[in-house]
Amino acid sequence: MITHLRGIVMEKAPTRIVLEVNGVGYELRIPLSSYDRLPPVGETALVLVHEVIREDAHELCGFLTEPERDLFRRLLDISGIGARIALGALSGLSVRQLKAAVVEGDVKRLSSISGIGKKTAERIILELKHKLTAGEALEAVAGPDQAALEDQRVRDAVEALVALGHKPADAWGLLRRILPKAGPEAGVEQLVRQALTG
């Protein structure tokens, strides 16, 4: 199994690259998110690989970050999702945006991606929602407020609210409302109580 390739970028297009490794040219299908990070033609790149082996084809899919490849693999585990749709999903939305759409149950956002209809979007949400860790879900919905998540007591308060039955997106929403008035001296217990009482 090929896990990564390091070689010279010989050709690149938004959906594919050709990487020359020791005189052998490998064609890899890539998402747009990886294309944006590729070095220019003629320079060396390290590309993470996932092999897709079917009866009628043997394809290599390439990614420049581990989160992209990890989410691609999770998408492939969903019934009815193949490499083309998974790559399309990663081309349409960033990893964080995809995870946020799953956590928030945003069928409209997922089905706006080419090749993903309403039923496929619902299946992705249903099957991925419980596979995302609390930390992944929280980081996905935090968006521009990411700095607040670097505070361990905020992360712990979200985890506590999730343990009490709130969805990660709802827990983060409750905390985001009370953080400005809670102040930096508020402990986890105080944050949770203020979030629950509003």
N, C-alpha and C. Protein backbone atom coordinates (compact mmCIF):
# COMPACT_ATOMS: atom_id res chain seq x y z
N MET A 1 0.84 -1.19 0.00
CA MET A 1 0.00 0.00 0.00
C MET A 1 0.88 1.25 0.00
N ILE A 2 0.56 2.22 -0.83
CA ILE A 2 1.31 3.47 -0.90
C ILE A 2 0.70 4.45 0.09
N THR A 3 1.53 4.99 0.99
CA THR A 3 1.03 5.95 1.97
C THR A 3 1.36 7.39 1.58
N HIS A 4 2.49 7.60 0.91
CA HIS A 4 2.81 8.93 0.41
C HIS A 4 3.83 8.83 -0.72
N LEU A 5 3.92 9.89 -1.51
CA LEU A 5 4.89 9.98 -2.59
C LEU A 5 5.59 11.34 -2.49
N ARG A 6 6.91 11.32 -2.63
CA ARG A 6 7.65 12.58 -2.70
C ARG A 6 8.31 12.62 -4.08
N GLY A 7 8.01 13.65 -4.83
CA GLY A 7 8.57 13.74 -6.17
C GLY A 7 8.37 15.11 -6.78
N ILE A 8 8.72 15.22 -8.04
CA ILE A 8 8.64 16.48 -8.75
C ILE A 8 7.27 16.61 -9.41
N VAL A 9 6.65 17.76 -9.23
CA VAL A 9 5.36 18.03 -9.86
C VAL A 9 5.62 18.26 -11.35
N MET A 10 5.17 17.33 -12.20
CA MET A 10 5.36 17.43 -13.65
C MET A 10 4.20 18.14 -14.33
N GLU A 11 2.99 17.87 -13.84
CA GLU A 11 1.78 18.52 -14.37
C GLU A 11 0.86 18.75 -13.19
N LYS A 12 0.08 19.83 -13.27
CA LYS A 12 -0.95 20.01 -12.25
C LYS A 12 -2.15 20.72 -12.84
N ALA A 13 -3.32 20.28 -12.42
CA ALA A 13 -4.60 20.86 -12.80
C ALA A 13 -5.47 20.80 -11.55
N PRO A 14 -6.58 21.52 -11.53
CA PRO A 14 -7.39 21.55 -10.31
C PRO A 14 -7.85 20.19 -9.79
N THR A 15 -7.94 19.18 -10.65
CA THR A 15 -8.42 17.88 -10.17
C THR A 15 -7.40 16.76 -10.26
N ARG A 16 -6.19 17.05 -10.79
CA ARG A 16 -5.20 15.98 -10.92
C ARG A 16 -3.79 16.55 -10.96
N ILE A 17 -2.84 15.70 -10.57
CA ILE A 17 -1.43 16.05 -10.72
C ILE A 17 -0.68 14.82 -11.23
N VAL A 18 0.46 15.08 -11.84
CA VAL A 18 1.38 14.01 -12.20
C VAL A 18 2.65 14.29 -11.41
N LEU A 19 3.05 13.31 -10.61
CA LEU A 19 4.22 13.42 -9.76
C LEU A 19 5.26 12.42 -10.23
N GLU A 20 6.47 12.88 -10.54
CA GLU A 20 7.53 11.97 -10.97
C GLU A 20 8.37 11.58 -9.77
N VAL A 21 8.42 10.27 -9.51
CA VAL A 21 9.19 9.73 -8.40
C VAL A 21 10.18 8.72 -8.96
N ASN A 22 11.45 9.03 -8.89
CA ASN A 22 12.51 8.14 -9.40
C ASN A 22 12.25 7.67 -10.82
N GLY A 23 11.86 8.59 -11.69
CA GLY A 23 11.66 8.27 -13.10
C GLY A 23 10.30 7.70 -13.45
N VAL A 24 9.44 7.49 -12.46
CA VAL A 24 8.10 6.96 -12.70
C VAL A 24 7.08 8.07 -12.47
N GLY A 25 6.18 8.28 -13.42
CA GLY A 25 5.14 9.30 -13.28
C GLY A 25 3.87 8.71 -12.69
N TYR A 26 3.42 9.27 -11.58
CA TYR A 26 2.19 8.82 -10.92
C TYR A 26 1.12 9.89 -11.13
N GLU A 27 -0.03 9.47 -11.65
CA GLU A 27 -1.15 10.39 -11.77
C GLU A 27 -2.03 10.24 -10.54
N LEU A 28 -2.32 11.36 -9.90
CA LEU A 28 -3.15 11.34 -8.70
C LEU A 28 -4.33 12.29 -8.88
N ARG A 29 -5.51 11.84 -8.48
CA ARG A 29 -6.67 12.71 -8.43
C ARG A 29 -6.61 13.47 -7.11
N ILE A 30 -6.89 14.77 -7.14
CA ILE A 30 -6.79 15.60 -5.94
C ILE A 30 -8.02 16.50 -5.79
N PRO A 31 -8.29 16.91 -4.54
CA PRO A 31 -9.35 17.91 -4.35
C PRO A 31 -8.77 19.31 -4.57
N LEU A 32 -9.63 20.28 -4.80
CA LEU A 32 -9.19 21.66 -4.99
C LEU A 32 -8.39 22.18 -3.80
N SER A 33 -8.76 21.74 -2.60
CA SER A 33 -8.06 22.21 -1.40
C SER A 33 -6.58 21.84 -1.44
N SER A 34 -6.24 20.69 -2.01
CA SER A 34 -4.84 20.30 -2.15
C SER A 34 -4.18 21.04 -3.30
N TYR A 35 -4.91 21.25 -4.37
CA TYR A 35 -4.37 21.96 -5.54
C TYR A 35 -3.84 23.33 -5.14
N ASP A 36 -4.61 24.03 -4.29
CA ASP A 36 -4.22 25.38 -3.87
C ASP A 36 -2.89 25.39 -3.11
N ARG A 37 -2.52 24.28 -2.50
CA ARG A 37 -1.29 24.24 -1.69
C ARG A 37 -0.09 23.65 -2.44
N LEU A 38 -0.31 23.17 -3.65
CA LEU A 38 0.78 22.55 -4.41
C LEU A 38 1.85 23.56 -4.81
N PRO A 39 3.11 23.14 -4.80
CA PRO A 39 4.17 24.02 -5.32
C PRO A 39 4.06 24.09 -6.84
N PRO A 40 4.79 25.03 -7.47
CA PRO A 40 4.75 25.15 -8.93
C PRO A 40 5.31 23.90 -9.63
N VAL A 41 4.97 23.74 -10.90
CA VAL A 41 5.51 22.64 -11.72
C VAL A 41 7.04 22.74 -11.70
N GLY A 42 7.68 21.59 -11.54
CA GLY A 42 9.14 21.54 -11.49
C GLY A 42 9.70 21.48 -10.09
N GLU A 43 8.86 21.77 -9.08
CA GLU A 43 9.31 21.71 -7.69
C GLU A 43 8.87 20.40 -7.05
N THR A 44 9.49 20.09 -5.90
CA THR A 44 9.22 18.84 -5.19
C THR A 44 8.03 19.00 -4.25
N ALA A 45 7.22 17.96 -4.18
CA ALA A 45 6.07 17.96 -3.27
C ALA A 45 5.98 16.61 -2.57
N LEU A 46 5.49 16.63 -1.34
CA LEU A 46 5.16 15.41 -0.60
C LEU A 46 3.65 15.30 -0.61
N VAL A 47 3.14 14.23 -1.20
CA VAL A 47 1.69 14.05 -1.34
C VAL A 47 1.27 12.78 -0.60
N LEU A 48 0.31 12.92 0.31
CA LEU A 48 -0.27 11.77 1.01
C LEU A 48 -1.19 11.05 0.04
N VAL A 49 -1.21 9.72 0.10
CA VAL A 49 -1.92 8.94 -0.91
C VAL A 49 -2.95 8.01 -0.28
N HIS A 50 -4.05 7.87 -0.99
CA HIS A 50 -5.04 6.83 -0.69
C HIS A 50 -5.29 6.08 -1.99
N GLU A 51 -5.09 4.76 -1.97
CA GLU A 51 -5.32 3.94 -3.17
C GLU A 51 -6.78 3.50 -3.22
N VAL A 52 -7.39 3.66 -4.37
CA VAL A 52 -8.75 3.20 -4.59
C VAL A 52 -8.65 2.05 -5.59
N ILE A 53 -8.90 0.83 -5.11
CA ILE A 53 -8.77 -0.34 -5.97
C ILE A 53 -10.15 -0.95 -6.18
N ARG A 54 -10.56 -0.98 -7.46
CA ARG A 54 -11.82 -1.60 -7.82
C ARG A 54 -11.55 -2.64 -8.90
N GLU A 55 -12.55 -3.39 -9.26
CA GLU A 55 -12.39 -4.40 -10.32
C GLU A 55 -11.94 -3.77 -11.63
N ASP A 56 -12.49 -2.59 -11.93
CA ASP A 56 -12.23 -1.98 -13.24
C ASP A 56 -11.20 -0.85 -13.22
N ALA A 57 -10.65 -0.53 -12.05
CA ALA A 57 -9.71 0.59 -12.00
C ALA A 57 -8.83 0.54 -10.75
N HIS A 58 -7.66 1.14 -10.87
CA HIS A 58 -6.74 1.32 -9.74
C HIS A 58 -6.33 2.79 -9.78
N GLU A 59 -6.86 3.59 -8.86
CA GLU A 59 -6.61 5.02 -8.86
C GLU A 59 -5.87 5.43 -7.60
N LEU A 60 -5.09 6.49 -7.74
CA LEU A 60 -4.42 7.09 -6.59
C LEU A 60 -5.04 8.45 -6.34
N CYS A 61 -5.40 8.71 -5.09
CA CYS A 61 -5.93 10.01 -4.71
C CYS A 61 -4.90 10.66 -3.80
N GLY A 62 -4.62 11.94 -4.04
CA GLY A 62 -3.57 12.62 -3.29
C GLY A 62 -4.10 13.79 -2.47
N PHE A 63 -3.42 14.03 -1.35
CA PHE A 63 -3.81 15.09 -0.41
C PHE A 63 -2.56 15.72 0.17
N LEU A 64 -2.62 17.00 0.46
CA LEU A 64 -1.45 17.67 1.04
C LEU A 64 -1.52 17.77 2.55
N THR A 65 -2.68 17.43 3.15
CA THR A 65 -2.77 17.43 4.61
C THR A 65 -3.44 16.14 5.10
N GLU A 66 -3.08 15.74 6.30
CA GLU A 66 -3.67 14.53 6.89
C GLU A 66 -5.16 14.69 7.17
N PRO A 67 -5.64 15.87 7.66
CA PRO A 67 -7.08 16.01 7.87
C PRO A 67 -7.90 15.80 6.59
N GLU A 68 -7.37 16.23 5.43
CA GLU A 68 -8.08 16.00 4.16
C GLU A 68 -8.19 14.51 3.87
N ARG A 69 -7.06 13.80 3.99
CA ARG A 69 -7.08 12.36 3.68
C ARG A 69 -7.96 11.62 4.68
N ASP A 70 -7.90 11.99 5.95
CA ASP A 70 -8.71 11.33 6.97
C ASP A 70 -10.20 11.50 6.68
N LEU A 71 -10.62 12.73 6.35
CA LEU A 71 -12.04 12.96 6.07
C LEU A 71 -12.45 12.25 4.77
N PHE A 72 -11.57 12.22 3.79
CA PHE A 72 -11.83 11.49 2.54
C PHE A 72 -12.11 10.02 2.86
N ARG A 73 -11.29 9.43 3.71
CA ARG A 73 -11.47 8.01 4.07
C ARG A 73 -12.77 7.80 4.83
N ARG A 74 -13.12 8.73 5.70
CA ARG A 74 -14.39 8.61 6.43
C ARG A 74 -15.57 8.69 5.46
N LEU A 75 -15.46 9.56 4.47
CA LEU A 75 -16.54 9.67 3.48
C LEU A 75 -16.67 8.39 2.67
N LEU A 76 -15.54 7.76 2.32
CA LEU A 76 -15.59 6.51 1.56
C LEU A 76 -16.27 5.38 2.34
N ASP A 77 -16.25 5.45 3.66
CA ASP A 77 -16.88 4.42 4.49
C ASP A 77 -18.41 4.50 4.45
N ILE A 78 -18.94 5.60 3.91
CA ILE A 78 -20.39 5.78 3.84
C ILE A 78 -20.92 5.08 2.59
N SER A 79 -21.95 4.29 2.75
CA SER A 79 -22.56 3.55 1.64
C SER A 79 -22.98 4.51 0.53
N GLY A 80 -22.57 4.19 -0.69
CA GLY A 80 -22.96 5.00 -1.85
C GLY A 80 -22.03 6.15 -2.15
N ILE A 81 -21.01 6.37 -1.31
CA ILE A 81 -20.05 7.46 -1.55
C ILE A 81 -18.77 6.85 -2.11
N GLY A 82 -18.42 7.27 -3.32
CA GLY A 82 -17.18 6.82 -3.95
C GLY A 82 -16.15 7.92 -3.95
N ALA A 83 -15.01 7.62 -4.56
CA ALA A 83 -13.90 8.59 -4.59
C ALA A 83 -14.30 9.89 -5.28
N ARG A 84 -15.07 9.82 -6.35
CA ARG A 84 -15.45 11.03 -7.09
C ARG A 84 -16.26 11.98 -6.21
N ILE A 85 -17.25 11.44 -5.49
CA ILE A 85 -18.09 12.28 -4.63
C ILE A 85 -17.28 12.79 -3.44
N ALA A 86 -16.44 11.93 -2.84
CA ALA A 86 -15.64 12.35 -1.69
C ALA A 86 -14.67 13.47 -2.08
N LEU A 87 -14.02 13.33 -3.25
CA LEU A 87 -13.12 14.39 -3.72
C LEU A 87 -13.92 15.67 -4.03
N GLY A 88 -15.12 15.50 -4.58
CA GLY A 88 -15.98 16.65 -4.86
C GLY A 88 -16.37 17.38 -3.59
N ALA A 89 -16.65 16.62 -2.53
CA ALA A 89 -17.01 17.23 -1.25
C ALA A 89 -15.85 18.06 -0.71
N LEU A 90 -14.63 17.52 -0.80
CA LEU A 90 -13.45 18.24 -0.31
C LEU A 90 -13.08 19.40 -1.23
N SER A 91 -13.55 19.37 -2.46
CA SER A 91 -13.31 20.49 -3.37
C SER A 91 -14.32 21.60 -3.13
N GLY A 92 -15.53 21.22 -2.72
CA GLY A 92 -16.59 22.20 -2.51
C GLY A 92 -16.51 22.93 -1.19
N LEU A 93 -16.03 22.24 -0.16
CA LEU A 93 -15.93 22.84 1.17
C LEU A 93 -14.61 22.43 1.81
N SER A 94 -14.10 23.27 2.70
CA SER A 94 -12.88 22.91 3.43
C SER A 94 -13.22 21.80 4.44
N VAL A 95 -12.21 21.18 5.01
CA VAL A 95 -12.43 20.13 6.02
C VAL A 95 -13.27 20.69 7.16
N ARG A 96 -12.91 21.88 7.65
CA ARG A 96 -13.65 22.48 8.76
C ARG A 96 -15.10 22.77 8.37
N GLN A 97 -15.31 23.30 7.15
CA GLN A 97 -16.67 23.60 6.70
C GLN A 97 -17.51 22.33 6.54
N LEU A 98 -16.90 21.26 6.03
CA LEU A 98 -17.62 19.99 5.90
C LEU A 98 -18.03 19.46 7.26
N LYS A 99 -17.08 19.48 8.20
CA LYS A 99 -17.40 18.99 9.55
C LYS A 99 -18.47 19.85 10.20
N ALA A 100 -18.40 21.17 10.00
CA ALA A 100 -19.41 22.07 10.57
C ALA A 100 -20.78 21.77 9.98
N ALA A 101 -20.85 21.52 8.67
CA ALA A 101 -22.13 21.20 8.04
C ALA A 101 -22.71 19.91 8.61
N VAL A 102 -21.83 18.94 8.89
CA VAL A 102 -22.28 17.67 9.48
C VAL A 102 -22.79 17.90 10.89
N VAL A 103 -22.01 18.62 11.71
CA VAL A 103 -22.38 18.86 13.11
C VAL A 103 -23.69 19.63 13.20
N GLU A 104 -23.86 20.63 12.32
CA GLU A 104 -25.06 21.47 12.36
C GLU A 104 -26.23 20.87 11.59
N GLY A 105 -26.01 19.71 10.93
CA GLY A 105 -27.08 19.08 10.16
C GLY A 105 -27.51 19.92 8.97
N ASP A 106 -26.58 20.61 8.35
CA ASP A 106 -26.86 21.55 7.27
C ASP A 106 -26.94 20.82 5.92
N VAL A 107 -28.10 20.23 5.65
CA VAL A 107 -28.33 19.49 4.41
C VAL A 107 -28.19 20.41 3.20
N LYS A 108 -28.69 21.63 3.31
CA LYS A 108 -28.66 22.57 2.19
C LYS A 108 -27.21 22.86 1.77
N ARG A 109 -26.36 23.08 2.74
CA ARG A 109 -24.95 23.39 2.42
C ARG A 109 -24.25 22.21 1.75
N LEU A 110 -24.47 21.01 2.27
CA LEU A 110 -23.85 19.82 1.69
C LEU A 110 -24.39 19.53 0.30
N SER A 111 -25.70 19.70 0.12
CA SER A 111 -26.30 19.38 -1.17
C SER A 111 -26.01 20.46 -2.22
N SER A 112 -25.39 21.56 -1.81
CA SER A 112 -24.98 22.58 -2.79
C SER A 112 -23.71 22.16 -3.53
N ILE A 113 -23.03 21.11 -3.03
CA ILE A 113 -21.82 20.60 -3.67
C ILE A 113 -22.23 19.76 -4.88
N SER A 114 -21.55 19.98 -5.99
CA SER A 114 -21.84 19.24 -7.22
C SER A 114 -21.72 17.74 -6.98
N GLY A 115 -22.74 16.98 -7.38
CA GLY A 115 -22.72 15.53 -7.23
C GLY A 115 -23.36 15.03 -5.95
N ILE A 116 -23.70 15.94 -5.03
CA ILE A 116 -24.31 15.53 -3.76
C ILE A 116 -25.73 16.07 -3.72
N GLY A 117 -26.67 15.15 -3.76
CA GLY A 117 -28.08 15.52 -3.66
C GLY A 117 -28.53 15.53 -2.21
N LYS A 118 -29.82 15.83 -2.02
CA LYS A 118 -30.37 15.93 -0.66
C LYS A 118 -30.24 14.61 0.10
N LYS A 119 -30.56 13.49 -0.53
CA LYS A 119 -30.51 12.19 0.17
C LYS A 119 -29.07 11.82 0.54
N THR A 120 -28.13 12.10 -0.37
CA THR A 120 -26.72 11.81 -0.07
C THR A 120 -26.23 12.70 1.07
N ALA A 121 -26.63 13.96 1.05
CA ALA A 121 -26.26 14.89 2.12
C ALA A 121 -26.79 14.41 3.46
N GLU A 122 -28.04 13.95 3.48
CA GLU A 122 -28.63 13.43 4.71
C GLU A 122 -27.89 12.19 5.21
N ARG A 123 -27.48 11.33 4.27
CA ARG A 123 -26.73 10.12 4.65
C ARG A 123 -25.36 10.49 5.23
N ILE A 124 -24.70 11.47 4.62
CA ILE A 124 -23.39 11.91 5.13
C ILE A 124 -23.54 12.43 6.56
N ILE A 125 -24.54 13.25 6.79
CA ILE A 125 -24.77 13.80 8.13
C ILE A 125 -25.07 12.68 9.12
N LEU A 126 -25.97 11.79 8.74
CA LEU A 126 -26.37 10.70 9.63
C LEU A 126 -25.18 9.82 10.02
N GLU A 127 -24.35 9.47 9.03
CA GLU A 127 -23.27 8.53 9.30
C GLU A 127 -22.02 9.17 9.88
N LEU A 128 -21.76 10.44 9.58
CA LEU A 128 -20.54 11.08 10.08
C LEU A 128 -20.71 11.75 11.43
N LYS A 129 -21.92 12.17 11.74
CA LYS A 129 -22.16 12.96 12.95
C LYS A 129 -21.61 12.29 14.21
N HIS A 130 -21.83 10.99 14.32
CA HIS A 130 -21.41 10.29 15.53
C HIS A 130 -19.97 9.81 15.46
N LYS A 131 -19.33 9.97 14.30
CA LYS A 131 -17.94 9.55 14.16
C LYS A 131 -16.96 10.69 14.44
N LEU A 132 -17.48 11.92 14.50
CA LEU A 132 -16.62 13.05 14.84
C LEU A 132 -16.46 13.11 16.35
N THR A 133 -15.23 13.34 16.80
CA THR A 133 -15.00 13.47 18.24
C THR A 133 -15.60 14.79 18.70
N ALA A 134 -15.78 14.94 20.01
CA ALA A 134 -16.30 16.20 20.55
C ALA A 134 -15.37 17.35 20.20
N GLY A 135 -14.06 17.09 20.24
CA GLY A 135 -13.08 18.13 19.89
C GLY A 135 -13.20 18.55 18.43
N GLU A 136 -13.35 17.58 17.52
CA GLU A 136 -13.50 17.89 16.10
C GLU A 136 -14.77 18.70 15.86
N ALA A 137 -15.85 18.28 16.49
CA ALA A 137 -17.13 18.97 16.32
C ALA A 137 -17.03 20.40 16.82
N LEU A 138 -16.39 20.57 17.96
CA LEU A 138 -16.25 21.90 18.55
C LEU A 138 -15.40 22.80 17.67
N GLU A 139 -14.28 22.30 17.20
CA GLU A 139 -13.41 23.11 16.33
C GLU A 139 -14.12 23.47 15.03
N ALA A 140 -14.95 22.57 14.53
CA ALA A 140 -15.66 22.83 13.28
C ALA A 140 -16.66 23.97 13.42
N VAL A 141 -17.37 24.01 14.53
CA VAL A 141 -18.41 25.03 14.68
C VAL A 141 -17.87 26.33 15.28
N ALA A 142 -16.66 26.32 15.83
CA ALA A 142 -16.10 27.52 16.45
C ALA A 142 -15.80 28.60 15.43
N GLY A 143 -15.32 28.21 14.26
CA GLY A 143 -15.03 29.17 13.20
C GLY A 143 -14.11 30.28 13.64
N PRO A 144 -14.52 31.55 13.45
CA PRO A 144 -13.65 32.67 13.77
C PRO A 144 -13.36 32.83 15.26
N ASP A 145 -14.13 32.17 16.12
CA ASP A 145 -13.90 32.25 17.56
C ASP A 145 -12.92 31.20 18.05
N GLN A 146 -12.08 30.68 17.14
CA GLN A 146 -11.14 29.61 17.45
C GLN A 146 -10.26 29.95 18.65
N ALA A 147 -9.88 31.22 18.82
CA ALA A 147 -8.98 31.61 19.91
C ALA A 147 -9.58 31.25 21.27
N ALA A 148 -10.90 31.37 21.40
CA ALA A 148 -11.54 31.05 22.69
C ALA A 148 -11.37 29.58 23.03
N LEU A 149 -11.29 28.73 22.00
CA LEU A 149 -11.16 27.29 22.24
C LEU A 149 -9.78 26.91 22.76
N GLU A 150 -8.81 27.81 22.61
CA GLU A 150 -7.47 27.51 23.12
C GLU A 150 -7.44 27.60 24.63
N ASP A 151 -8.47 28.18 25.22
CA ASP A 151 -8.60 28.25 26.68
C ASP A 151 -9.15 26.90 27.15
N GLN A 152 -8.36 26.18 27.93
CA GLN A 152 -8.73 24.83 28.36
C GLN A 152 -10.04 24.81 29.14
N ARG A 153 -10.30 25.83 29.93
CA ARG A 153 -11.55 25.81 30.71
C ARG A 153 -12.77 25.93 29.81
N VAL A 154 -12.63 26.63 28.67
CA VAL A 154 -13.74 26.73 27.72
C VAL A 154 -13.98 25.37 27.07
N ARG A 155 -12.88 24.70 26.68
CA ARG A 155 -13.02 23.35 26.10
C ARG A 155 -13.67 22.40 27.10
N ASP A 156 -13.23 22.47 28.35
CA ASP A 156 -13.79 21.60 29.39
C ASP A 156 -15.27 21.91 29.62
N ALA A 157 -15.63 23.19 29.57
CA ALA A 157 -17.03 23.57 29.76
C ALA A 157 -17.89 23.03 28.62
N VAL A 158 -17.38 23.09 27.40
CA VAL A 158 -18.13 22.54 26.26
C VAL A 158 -18.30 21.04 26.44
N GLU A 159 -17.22 20.36 26.82
CA GLU A 159 -17.29 18.90 27.04
C GLU A 159 -18.34 18.58 28.12
N ALA A 160 -18.38 19.40 29.18
CA ALA A 160 -19.35 19.17 30.25
C ALA A 160 -20.77 19.35 29.73
N LEU A 161 -21.00 20.38 28.92
CA LEU A 161 -22.33 20.61 28.36
C LEU A 161 -22.73 19.48 27.41
N VAL A 162 -21.77 18.97 26.65
CA VAL A 162 -22.04 17.83 25.76
C VAL A 162 -22.41 16.61 26.60
N ALA A 163 -21.68 16.41 27.71
CA ALA A 163 -21.97 15.28 28.60
C ALA A 163 -23.37 15.41 29.21
N LEU A 164 -23.85 16.64 29.34
CA LEU A 164 -25.19 16.88 29.89
C LEU A 164 -26.28 16.74 28.82
N GLY A 165 -25.88 16.41 27.58
CA GLY A 165 -26.86 16.13 26.55
C GLY A 165 -26.98 17.16 25.44
N HIS A 166 -26.20 18.23 25.49
CA HIS A 166 -26.24 19.24 24.43
C HIS A 166 -25.40 18.80 23.24
N LYS A 167 -25.80 19.20 22.05
CA LYS A 167 -24.98 18.96 20.86
C LYS A 167 -23.79 19.92 20.93
N PRO A 168 -22.64 19.54 20.36
CA PRO A 168 -21.47 20.43 20.41
C PRO A 168 -21.74 21.83 19.90
N ALA A 169 -22.48 21.95 18.79
CA ALA A 169 -22.78 23.27 18.24
C ALA A 169 -23.61 24.09 19.21
N ASP A 170 -24.59 23.45 19.86
CA ASP A 170 -25.44 24.15 20.82
C ASP A 170 -24.65 24.54 22.07
N ALA A 171 -23.79 23.63 22.53
CA ALA A 171 -22.97 23.90 23.71
C ALA A 171 -22.07 25.10 23.45
N TRP A 172 -21.44 25.12 22.28
CA TRP A 172 -20.57 26.25 21.94
C TRP A 172 -21.38 27.54 21.84
N GLY A 173 -22.58 27.46 21.28
CA GLY A 173 -23.44 28.64 21.18
C GLY A 173 -23.80 29.21 22.54
N LEU A 174 -24.13 28.33 23.49
CA LEU A 174 -24.45 28.77 24.85
C LEU A 174 -23.25 29.47 25.49
N LEU A 175 -22.07 28.88 25.34
CA LEU A 175 -20.88 29.46 25.95
C LEU A 175 -20.47 30.76 25.28
N ARG A 176 -20.58 30.82 23.98
CA ARG A 176 -20.18 32.02 23.25
C ARG A 176 -20.98 33.23 23.72
N ARG A 177 -22.26 33.01 24.08
CA ARG A 177 -23.12 34.09 24.55
C ARG A 177 -22.66 34.65 25.89
N ILE A 178 -22.17 33.75 26.78
CA ILE A 178 -21.88 34.21 28.15
C ILE A 178 -20.39 34.52 28.38
N LEU A 179 -19.52 34.13 27.48
CA LEU A 179 -18.08 34.35 27.68
C LEU A 179 -17.70 35.81 27.91
N PRO A 180 -18.23 36.77 27.15
CA PRO A 180 -17.81 38.16 27.37
C PRO A 180 -18.10 38.66 28.79
N LYS A 181 -19.22 38.24 29.38
CA LYS A 181 -19.54 38.73 30.73
C LYS A 181 -19.00 37.83 31.82
N ALA A 182 -18.59 36.59 31.50
CA ALA A 182 -18.09 35.67 32.51
C ALA A 182 -16.71 36.08 33.02
N GLY A 183 -15.86 36.59 32.14
CA GLY A 183 -14.53 37.02 32.55
C GLY A 183 -13.54 35.88 32.63
N PRO A 184 -12.24 36.22 32.63
CA PRO A 184 -11.19 35.20 32.60
C PRO A 184 -11.03 34.43 33.92
N GLU A 185 -11.60 34.94 34.99
CA GLU A 185 -11.45 34.25 36.28
C GLU A 185 -12.51 33.17 36.52
N ALA A 186 -13.53 33.11 35.67
CA ALA A 186 -14.60 32.12 35.85
C ALA A 186 -14.06 30.71 35.60
N GLY A 187 -14.40 29.80 36.52
CA GLY A 187 -13.99 28.41 36.39
C GLY A 187 -14.96 27.63 35.51
N VAL A 188 -14.63 26.37 35.26
CA VAL A 188 -15.45 25.52 34.39
C VAL A 188 -16.88 25.42 34.93
N GLU A 189 -17.00 25.15 36.23
CA GLU A 189 -18.33 24.99 36.83
C GLU A 189 -19.16 26.27 36.67
N GLN A 190 -18.52 27.42 36.90
CA GLN A 190 -19.23 28.69 36.77
C GLN A 190 -19.65 28.93 35.32
N LEU A 191 -18.78 28.60 34.37
CA LEU A 191 -19.12 28.77 32.95
C LEU A 191 -20.32 27.90 32.57
N VAL A 192 -20.31 26.66 33.05
CA VAL A 192 -21.42 25.73 32.72
C VAL A 192 -22.72 26.24 33.32
N ARG A 193 -22.66 26.68 34.57
CA ARG A 193 -23.90 27.18 35.23
C ARG A 193 -24.45 28.43 34.51
N GLN A 194 -23.55 29.34 34.16
CA GLN A 194 -24.00 30.55 33.47
C GLN A 194 -24.56 30.20 32.09
N ALA A 195 -23.94 29.25 31.41
CA ALA A 195 -24.43 28.85 30.10
C ALA A 195 -25.82 28.23 30.20
N LEU A 196 -26.05 27.44 31.24
CA LEU A 196 -27.35 26.78 31.41
C LEU A 196 -28.44 27.74 31.86
N THR A 197 -28.07 28.77 32.63
CA THR A 197 -29.09 29.72 33.12
C THR A 197 -29.27 30.91 32.20
N GLY A 198 -28.31 31.08 31.26
CA GLY A 198 -28.44 32.14 30.27
C GLY A 198 -27.97 33.45 30.80
